[in-house]
Protein backbone atom coordinates (compact mmCIF):
# COMPACT_ATOMS: atom_id res chain seq x y z
CA MET A 1 -1.14 79.92 26.36
CA ILE A 2 1.99 77.82 26.71
CA GLY A 3 2.44 76.50 30.24
CA ALA A 4 5.69 76.12 32.15
CA HIS A 5 5.51 72.35 31.59
CA GLU A 6 5.93 72.96 27.85
CA LYS A 7 9.27 74.76 28.22
CA HIS A 8 12.74 73.59 29.15
CA ALA A 9 13.91 74.87 32.54
CA THR A 10 17.67 75.22 32.06
CA PRO A 11 20.36 74.06 29.63
CA GLU A 12 21.42 71.54 32.27
CA ALA A 13 17.92 70.07 32.37
CA VAL A 14 17.90 69.86 28.56
CA ALA A 15 21.23 68.03 28.65
CA LEU A 16 19.91 65.54 31.19
CA ALA A 17 16.75 64.96 29.13
CA HIS A 18 18.89 64.22 26.06
CA GLN A 19 21.10 61.89 28.09
CA LEU A 20 18.10 59.94 29.36
CA SER A 21 16.51 59.80 25.89
CA ALA A 22 19.70 58.32 24.48
CA ASN A 23 18.79 55.08 26.29
CA ILE A 24 15.52 54.72 24.37
CA PRO A 25 15.93 52.66 21.19
CA THR A 26 15.89 54.50 17.89
CA LEU A 27 14.62 52.43 14.97
CA HIS A 28 15.47 53.01 11.32
CA THR A 29 13.59 51.86 8.23
CA ASP A 30 14.22 52.63 4.57
CA ARG A 31 12.57 56.05 4.88
CA LEU A 32 11.87 56.66 8.55
CA THR A 33 13.50 57.15 11.90
CA LEU A 34 11.45 56.21 14.96
CA ARG A 35 13.07 58.30 17.67
CA PRO A 36 12.49 59.12 21.33
CA LEU A 37 9.99 61.86 21.99
CA LYS A 38 11.17 65.41 22.60
CA LEU A 39 9.44 68.28 24.34
CA GLU A 40 9.31 70.02 20.97
CA ASP A 41 7.06 67.21 19.65
CA PHE A 42 4.26 68.30 21.95
CA ALA A 43 2.96 71.05 19.66
CA THR A 44 2.38 68.55 16.85
CA LEU A 45 0.76 66.02 19.17
CA ALA A 46 -1.47 68.67 20.75
CA ASP A 47 -2.57 69.87 17.30
CA LEU A 48 -3.27 66.30 16.17
CA LEU A 49 -5.27 65.47 19.28
CA ALA A 50 -7.24 68.73 19.10
CA SER A 51 -8.24 68.02 15.51
CA ASP A 52 -10.88 65.78 13.99
CA ARG A 53 -8.07 63.33 13.13
CA SER A 54 -8.22 62.19 16.77
CA ARG A 55 -11.90 61.26 16.69
CA PHE A 56 -11.05 57.54 16.67
CA VAL A 57 -8.70 57.78 19.67
CA GLY A 58 -10.90 59.64 22.14
CA GLY A 59 -10.53 63.13 20.71
CA PRO A 60 -10.70 65.91 20.05
CA MET A 61 -8.75 66.56 23.25
CA SER A 62 -7.78 69.61 25.22
CA ARG A 63 -4.16 70.71 25.37
CA MET A 64 -3.96 69.38 28.95
CA ASP A 65 -5.28 65.97 27.86
CA ALA A 66 -2.75 65.97 25.01
CA TRP A 67 -0.01 66.65 27.57
CA GLN A 68 -1.14 63.59 29.52
CA GLU A 69 -0.94 61.54 26.33
CA LEU A 70 2.61 62.76 25.67
CA THR A 71 3.75 61.97 29.20
CA GLN A 72 2.20 58.51 28.95
CA LEU A 73 3.99 57.83 25.65
CA ALA A 74 7.29 58.95 27.13
CA SER A 75 6.98 57.40 30.60
CA GLY A 76 6.19 53.95 29.25
CA TRP A 77 9.88 53.49 28.51
CA VAL A 78 10.83 53.94 32.16
CA LEU A 79 7.87 52.07 33.63
CA HIS A 80 7.46 49.21 31.13
CA GLY A 81 10.49 49.10 28.83
CA HIS A 82 8.36 50.16 25.85
CA GLY A 83 6.54 53.31 24.85
CA GLY A 84 6.09 55.85 22.10
CA TRP A 85 8.28 57.04 19.27
CA ALA A 86 8.08 60.11 17.10
CA ILE A 87 8.04 59.23 13.40
CA ASP A 88 10.60 61.29 11.52
CA HIS A 89 10.33 61.30 7.72
CA SER A 90 12.92 63.37 5.87
CA GLY A 91 13.38 65.66 8.86
CA SER A 92 9.65 66.22 9.45
CA LEU A 93 7.59 64.90 12.33
CA SER A 94 4.99 62.71 10.62
CA GLY A 95 3.24 61.26 13.65
CA PHE A 96 3.63 58.82 16.50
CA VAL A 97 3.74 55.07 16.94
CA LEU A 98 3.75 53.14 20.19
CA ILE A 99 3.94 49.88 21.97
CA GLY A 100 1.93 50.76 25.02
CA VAL A 101 -0.57 49.84 27.65
CA GLU A 102 -3.07 52.36 28.98
CA PRO A 103 -5.57 52.11 31.81
CA GLY A 104 -8.41 49.97 30.49
CA ASP A 105 -6.24 48.06 28.03
CA HIS A 106 -6.17 44.32 28.54
CA GLU A 107 -2.96 43.79 26.59
CA ARG A 108 0.04 45.56 25.08
CA GLU A 109 -1.01 47.68 22.14
CA LEU A 110 0.49 48.67 18.82
CA GLY A 111 -0.86 52.16 18.18
CA PHE A 112 -0.30 54.81 15.52
CA LEU A 113 -1.38 58.39 14.82
CA LEU A 114 -0.19 60.34 11.79
CA THR A 115 -0.35 63.91 10.62
CA GLU A 116 -2.66 64.60 7.70
CA GLU A 117 0.34 65.31 5.44
CA ALA A 118 1.84 61.89 6.21
CA GLU A 119 -1.28 59.88 5.48
CA GLY A 120 -1.46 57.88 2.27
CA HIS A 121 2.29 57.47 1.76
CA GLY A 122 2.88 54.13 3.51
CA ILE A 123 4.41 55.84 6.54
CA ALA A 124 1.98 54.29 9.04
CA TYR A 125 2.68 50.81 7.67
CA GLU A 126 6.44 51.28 7.71
CA ALA A 127 6.51 52.75 11.23
CA ALA A 128 4.04 50.26 12.70
CA SER A 129 5.92 47.34 11.10
CA ALA A 130 9.16 48.48 12.71
CA ALA A 131 7.52 48.91 16.13
CA ARG A 132 5.73 45.55 15.85
CA ASN A 133 8.96 43.78 14.89
CA PHE A 134 10.77 45.44 17.80
CA ALA A 135 8.08 44.11 20.17
CA PHE A 136 8.53 40.57 18.87
CA ASP A 137 12.24 40.41 18.04
CA VAL A 138 13.71 42.47 20.87
CA LEU A 139 11.12 42.48 23.66
CA LYS A 140 10.01 38.89 22.89
CA PHE A 141 6.32 39.68 23.25
CA PRO A 142 4.21 36.61 22.42
CA THR A 143 1.39 38.79 21.08
CA LEU A 144 0.36 42.39 20.53
CA VAL A 145 -2.99 43.98 19.67
CA SER A 146 -4.37 47.12 18.08
CA TYR A 147 -7.55 48.57 19.57
CA ILE A 148 -9.35 50.27 16.68
CA ASP A 149 -12.62 52.17 16.60
CA VAL A 150 -15.29 50.28 14.64
CA ALA A 151 -15.69 53.20 12.20
CA ASN A 152 -11.95 53.60 11.48
CA THR A 153 -11.85 51.53 8.30
CA ARG A 154 -8.46 52.87 7.19
CA SER A 155 -6.83 51.58 10.37
CA HIS A 156 -8.64 48.25 9.98
CA ARG A 157 -7.00 47.84 6.57
CA LEU A 158 -3.62 48.83 8.00
CA ALA A 159 -3.93 46.31 10.85
CA GLU A 160 -4.77 43.56 8.36
CA ARG A 161 -1.83 44.54 6.16
CA LEU A 162 0.40 44.35 9.26
CA GLY A 163 -0.70 40.73 9.75
CA GLY A 164 -3.33 41.40 12.40
CA GLU A 165 -6.32 39.12 12.70
CA ARG A 166 -9.59 40.05 14.36
CA ASP A 167 -9.91 38.60 17.85
CA ALA A 168 -13.63 38.08 18.51
CA LEU A 169 -13.07 36.85 22.08
CA ALA A 170 -11.05 39.94 23.01
CA GLU A 171 -13.66 42.15 21.34
CA ALA A 172 -16.43 40.47 23.36
CA LYS A 173 -14.48 41.10 26.59
CA MET A 174 -14.62 44.80 25.72
CA ASN A 175 -18.34 44.63 24.89
CA ASN A 176 -17.64 44.83 21.15
CA LYS A 177 -16.99 48.57 21.45
CA MET A 178 -13.98 48.32 19.16
CA ARG A 179 -12.20 46.03 16.77
CA ILE A 180 -9.19 44.25 18.18
CA TYR A 181 -6.54 43.00 15.80
CA ARG A 182 -4.05 40.49 17.17
CA TYR A 183 -0.48 40.19 15.91
CA THR A 184 1.83 37.26 16.50
CA PRO A 185 5.49 36.81 15.65
CA LYS A 186 4.56 34.21 13.04
CA GLY A 187 2.02 36.51 11.36
CA ALA A 188 4.42 39.44 11.48
CA HIS A 189 7.19 37.66 9.62
CA SER A 190 5.12 35.71 7.09
């Protein structure tokens, strides 16, 4: 059942939402547009988080938990000046990428979650590279990390390709429950 929170209230509210979203940076790569989240993106996020694809990010999740994830991705922009983007590839929503910080995180995170159809086409690398570069070049972050489940070998390879290096000290602080890859401006642009 679709709840009231999943529907627009009035055309005026939609217009205000679009006006506010216009202040969130949109990033462009050769093939992708990283754009502000829209209410219409929720169905894709809820499906992703309810599926086995979310097993490495705390899922599968209920629709209500997925809603909390969406609101966290979107609200980060207002609260922190960074947050989540929808990944648009040729007019299709291919997933999500973020610069975020969640309860329990020790540092700002570069995160990514793709649809099954988008996987294996370099979309995660292209989107995460753009978000990482935005964090360093625009926000002037000195460092950024990815928190990755120990069993998620595909994301380990992606983090390494993005210039991330394992941070054993940070992993120890989190009781070695996950792999933590650290990115720096120098490593990102080498």
